[in-house]
Amino acid sequence: MSHDEVDRLIEAWRRERPDLDVAPMEVLSRVSRLARHLDRARRAAFAAHDLEPWEFDVLAALRRAGAPYELSPGVLLEQTMVTSGTMTARVDKLTARGLVSRRRSDDDRRAVRVRLTELGRKAVDAALEGLLTYERNLLADLDDPDREVLAGLLRTLVLPFDDAPD
């Protein structure tokens, strides 16, 4: 069996602190390390398409909304988990790049809608395709049943965080 860095860390902790149950680290340290590796890979995948991760997040939220690919700033806040001020700055930057536009709502002229432009749609679609190619390669050593089990186990760990009030 192969050993990874977490195995070495666990072995050292068990030697130095045999009084502690370090079993949670066997799972969560790997999740943490994997998250760092995935973050780097995602940044590279998005950079290949001239996008920052936060830009992809906003554009992807709009793209997933379906035609006409627009949302209110409030919905974008919920989906990207940032503050109102941060979202305003992000929409300003995306507007300046021509990736989104703002328009007044037809229902309430005081309300604003953020809409994905054609350039934004092409950028997010290309970045998503690049990301999925990388992620497919990453999971290539797992067969479909193992991927399903892993997805279910990770879902179980994530759900309490998703369900927690902000």
Protein backbone atom coordinates (compact mmCIF):
# COMPACT_ATOMS: atom_id res chain seq x y z
CA MET A 1 0.00 0.00 0.00
CA SER A 2 1.25 3.48 -0.86
CA HIS A 3 1.81 6.05 1.87
CA ASP A 4 1.10 9.74 1.49
CA GLU A 5 2.17 12.76 3.51
CA VAL A 6 -0.85 12.40 5.81
CA ASP A 7 0.23 8.85 6.69
CA ARG A 8 3.60 10.24 7.76
CA LEU A 9 1.96 13.00 9.82
CA ILE A 10 -0.42 10.56 11.51
CA GLU A 11 2.43 8.19 12.33
CA ALA A 12 4.39 11.03 13.92
CA TRP A 13 1.41 12.23 15.98
CA ARG A 14 0.67 8.71 17.18
CA ARG A 15 4.29 8.37 18.25
CA GLU A 16 4.41 11.77 19.96
CA ARG A 17 0.87 11.83 21.36
CA PRO A 18 -0.32 8.24 21.82
CA ASP A 19 -2.90 9.56 24.28
CA LEU A 20 -4.86 11.26 21.48
CA ASP A 21 -7.16 9.73 18.88
CA VAL A 22 -5.85 11.29 15.67
CA ALA A 23 -8.16 9.23 13.41
CA PRO A 24 -10.16 12.32 12.26
CA MET A 25 -6.95 13.71 10.77
CA GLU A 26 -6.70 10.69 8.47
CA VAL A 27 -9.79 11.95 6.62
CA LEU A 28 -9.86 15.68 7.16
CA SER A 29 -6.16 16.34 6.60
CA ARG A 30 -6.52 14.62 3.24
CA VAL A 31 -9.60 16.68 2.44
CA SER A 32 -7.69 19.83 3.38
CA ARG A 33 -4.66 18.90 1.29
CA LEU A 34 -6.88 17.92 -1.64
CA ALA A 35 -8.70 21.27 -1.37
CA ARG A 36 -5.39 23.14 -1.66
CA HIS A 37 -4.38 21.09 -4.71
CA LEU A 38 -7.79 21.60 -6.31
CA ASP A 39 -7.67 25.34 -5.63
CA ARG A 40 -4.33 25.60 -7.45
CA ALA A 41 -5.62 23.50 -10.35
CA ARG A 42 -8.81 25.52 -10.62
CA ARG A 43 -6.85 28.77 -10.61
CA ALA A 44 -4.70 27.41 -13.46
CA ALA A 45 -7.74 26.18 -15.42
CA PHE A 46 -9.43 29.56 -15.08
CA ALA A 47 -6.25 31.53 -15.80
CA ALA A 48 -5.93 29.62 -19.08
CA HIS A 49 -9.19 31.36 -20.00
CA ASP A 50 -8.17 34.74 -18.56
CA LEU A 51 -10.47 34.43 -15.54
CA GLU A 52 -9.94 34.65 -11.80
CA PRO A 53 -11.76 32.10 -9.63
CA TRP A 54 -14.15 34.75 -8.32
CA GLU A 55 -14.94 35.82 -11.88
CA PHE A 56 -15.76 32.24 -12.79
CA ASP A 57 -18.01 31.95 -9.70
CA VAL A 58 -20.11 34.97 -10.68
CA LEU A 59 -20.24 34.08 -14.38
CA ALA A 60 -21.10 30.45 -13.58
CA ALA A 61 -23.97 31.51 -11.30
CA LEU A 62 -25.40 33.59 -14.15
CA ARG A 63 -24.86 30.81 -16.69
CA ARG A 64 -26.60 28.23 -14.49
CA ALA A 65 -29.60 30.55 -14.19
CA GLY A 66 -30.50 29.76 -17.80
CA ALA A 67 -31.55 32.18 -20.51
CA PRO A 68 -31.54 35.14 -20.34
CA TYR A 69 -28.65 34.42 -17.90
CA GLU A 70 -29.41 37.11 -15.39
CA LEU A 71 -29.89 37.38 -11.65
CA SER A 72 -30.39 40.02 -9.04
CA PRO A 73 -27.32 41.07 -7.05
CA GLY A 74 -28.98 39.53 -3.98
CA VAL A 75 -29.19 36.09 -5.56
CA LEU A 76 -25.58 36.42 -6.71
CA LEU A 77 -24.61 37.20 -3.11
CA GLU A 78 -26.29 34.02 -1.89
CA GLN A 79 -24.74 31.83 -4.57
CA THR A 80 -21.20 33.17 -4.25
CA MET A 81 -21.21 33.76 -0.46
CA VAL A 82 -19.74 37.28 -0.50
CA THR A 83 -20.81 40.61 0.98
CA SER A 84 -22.86 43.22 -0.83
CA GLY A 85 -19.87 45.55 -1.18
CA THR A 86 -17.72 42.77 -2.57
CA MET A 87 -20.39 41.82 -5.10
CA THR A 88 -20.78 45.44 -6.23
CA ALA A 89 -17.03 45.66 -6.85
CA ARG A 90 -17.02 42.34 -8.68
CA VAL A 91 -19.91 43.27 -10.93
CA ASP A 92 -18.18 46.60 -11.67
CA LYS A 93 -15.01 44.77 -12.74
CA LEU A 94 -16.91 42.21 -14.82
CA THR A 95 -18.89 45.00 -16.47
CA ALA A 96 -15.66 46.84 -17.33
CA ARG A 97 -14.37 43.64 -18.99
CA GLY A 98 -17.59 43.28 -21.00
CA LEU A 99 -18.45 39.94 -19.36
CA VAL A 100 -21.69 41.13 -17.73
CA SER A 101 -24.05 44.04 -18.05
CA ARG A 102 -26.43 45.73 -15.65
CA ARG A 103 -29.99 46.66 -16.43
CA ARG A 104 -33.00 47.91 -14.54
CA SER A 105 -35.59 45.29 -13.68
CA ASP A 106 -38.75 45.30 -15.75
CA ASP A 107 -40.79 44.69 -12.58
CA ASP A 108 -39.20 47.34 -10.36
CA ARG A 109 -37.23 50.15 -11.98
CA ARG A 110 -35.28 50.62 -8.71
CA ALA A 111 -33.96 47.05 -8.85
CA VAL A 112 -30.95 46.03 -10.90
CA ARG A 113 -30.38 42.79 -12.79
CA VAL A 114 -26.95 41.47 -13.74
CA ARG A 115 -26.85 39.75 -17.11
CA LEU A 116 -24.21 37.56 -18.71
CA THR A 117 -23.02 38.97 -22.04
CA GLU A 118 -22.21 36.76 -25.03
CA LEU A 119 -18.51 37.30 -24.29
CA GLY A 120 -19.11 36.27 -20.68
CA ARG A 121 -21.02 33.16 -21.73
CA LYS A 122 -18.22 32.08 -24.05
CA ALA A 123 -15.61 32.70 -21.34
CA VAL A 124 -17.44 30.74 -18.63
CA ASP A 125 -18.29 27.88 -20.99
CA ALA A 126 -14.66 27.53 -22.11
CA ALA A 127 -13.36 27.70 -18.53
CA LEU A 128 -15.89 25.10 -17.41
CA GLU A 129 -14.84 22.73 -20.20
CA GLY A 130 -11.18 23.13 -19.20
CA LEU A 131 -11.98 22.55 -15.55
CA LEU A 132 -14.03 19.44 -16.27
CA THR A 133 -11.24 17.95 -18.37
CA TYR A 134 -8.84 18.39 -15.45
CA GLU A 135 -11.33 17.02 -12.93
CA ARG A 136 -12.14 13.99 -15.10
CA ASN A 137 -8.44 13.19 -15.30
CA LEU A 138 -8.11 13.59 -11.54
CA LEU A 139 -10.86 11.04 -10.94
CA ALA A 140 -9.76 8.63 -13.69
CA ASP A 141 -8.40 6.07 -11.22
CA LEU A 142 -11.81 5.73 -9.53
CA ASP A 143 -14.51 3.64 -11.15
CA ASP A 144 -18.11 4.90 -11.26
CA PRO A 145 -19.25 3.10 -8.08
CA ASP A 146 -16.27 4.46 -6.11
CA ARG A 147 -16.94 7.99 -7.37
CA GLU A 148 -20.58 7.68 -6.31
CA VAL A 149 -19.60 6.43 -2.84
CA LEU A 150 -17.03 9.21 -2.45
CA ALA A 151 -19.53 11.86 -3.60
CA GLY A 152 -22.08 10.56 -1.09
CA LEU A 153 -19.60 10.54 1.79
CA LEU A 154 -18.41 14.05 1.00
CA ARG A 155 -22.03 15.22 0.73
CA THR A 156 -22.63 13.88 4.24
CA LEU A 157 -19.70 15.94 5.52
CA VAL A 158 -20.68 19.13 3.67
CA LEU A 159 -24.43 19.17 4.40
CA PRO A 160 -24.19 20.46 7.99
CA PHE A 161 -22.20 23.44 6.72
CA ASP A 162 -24.63 24.14 3.88
CA ASP A 163 -27.60 23.90 6.25
CA ALA A 164 -26.06 26.10 8.96
CA PRO A 165 -27.42 29.64 9.26
CA ASP A 166 -24.96 32.36 8.18
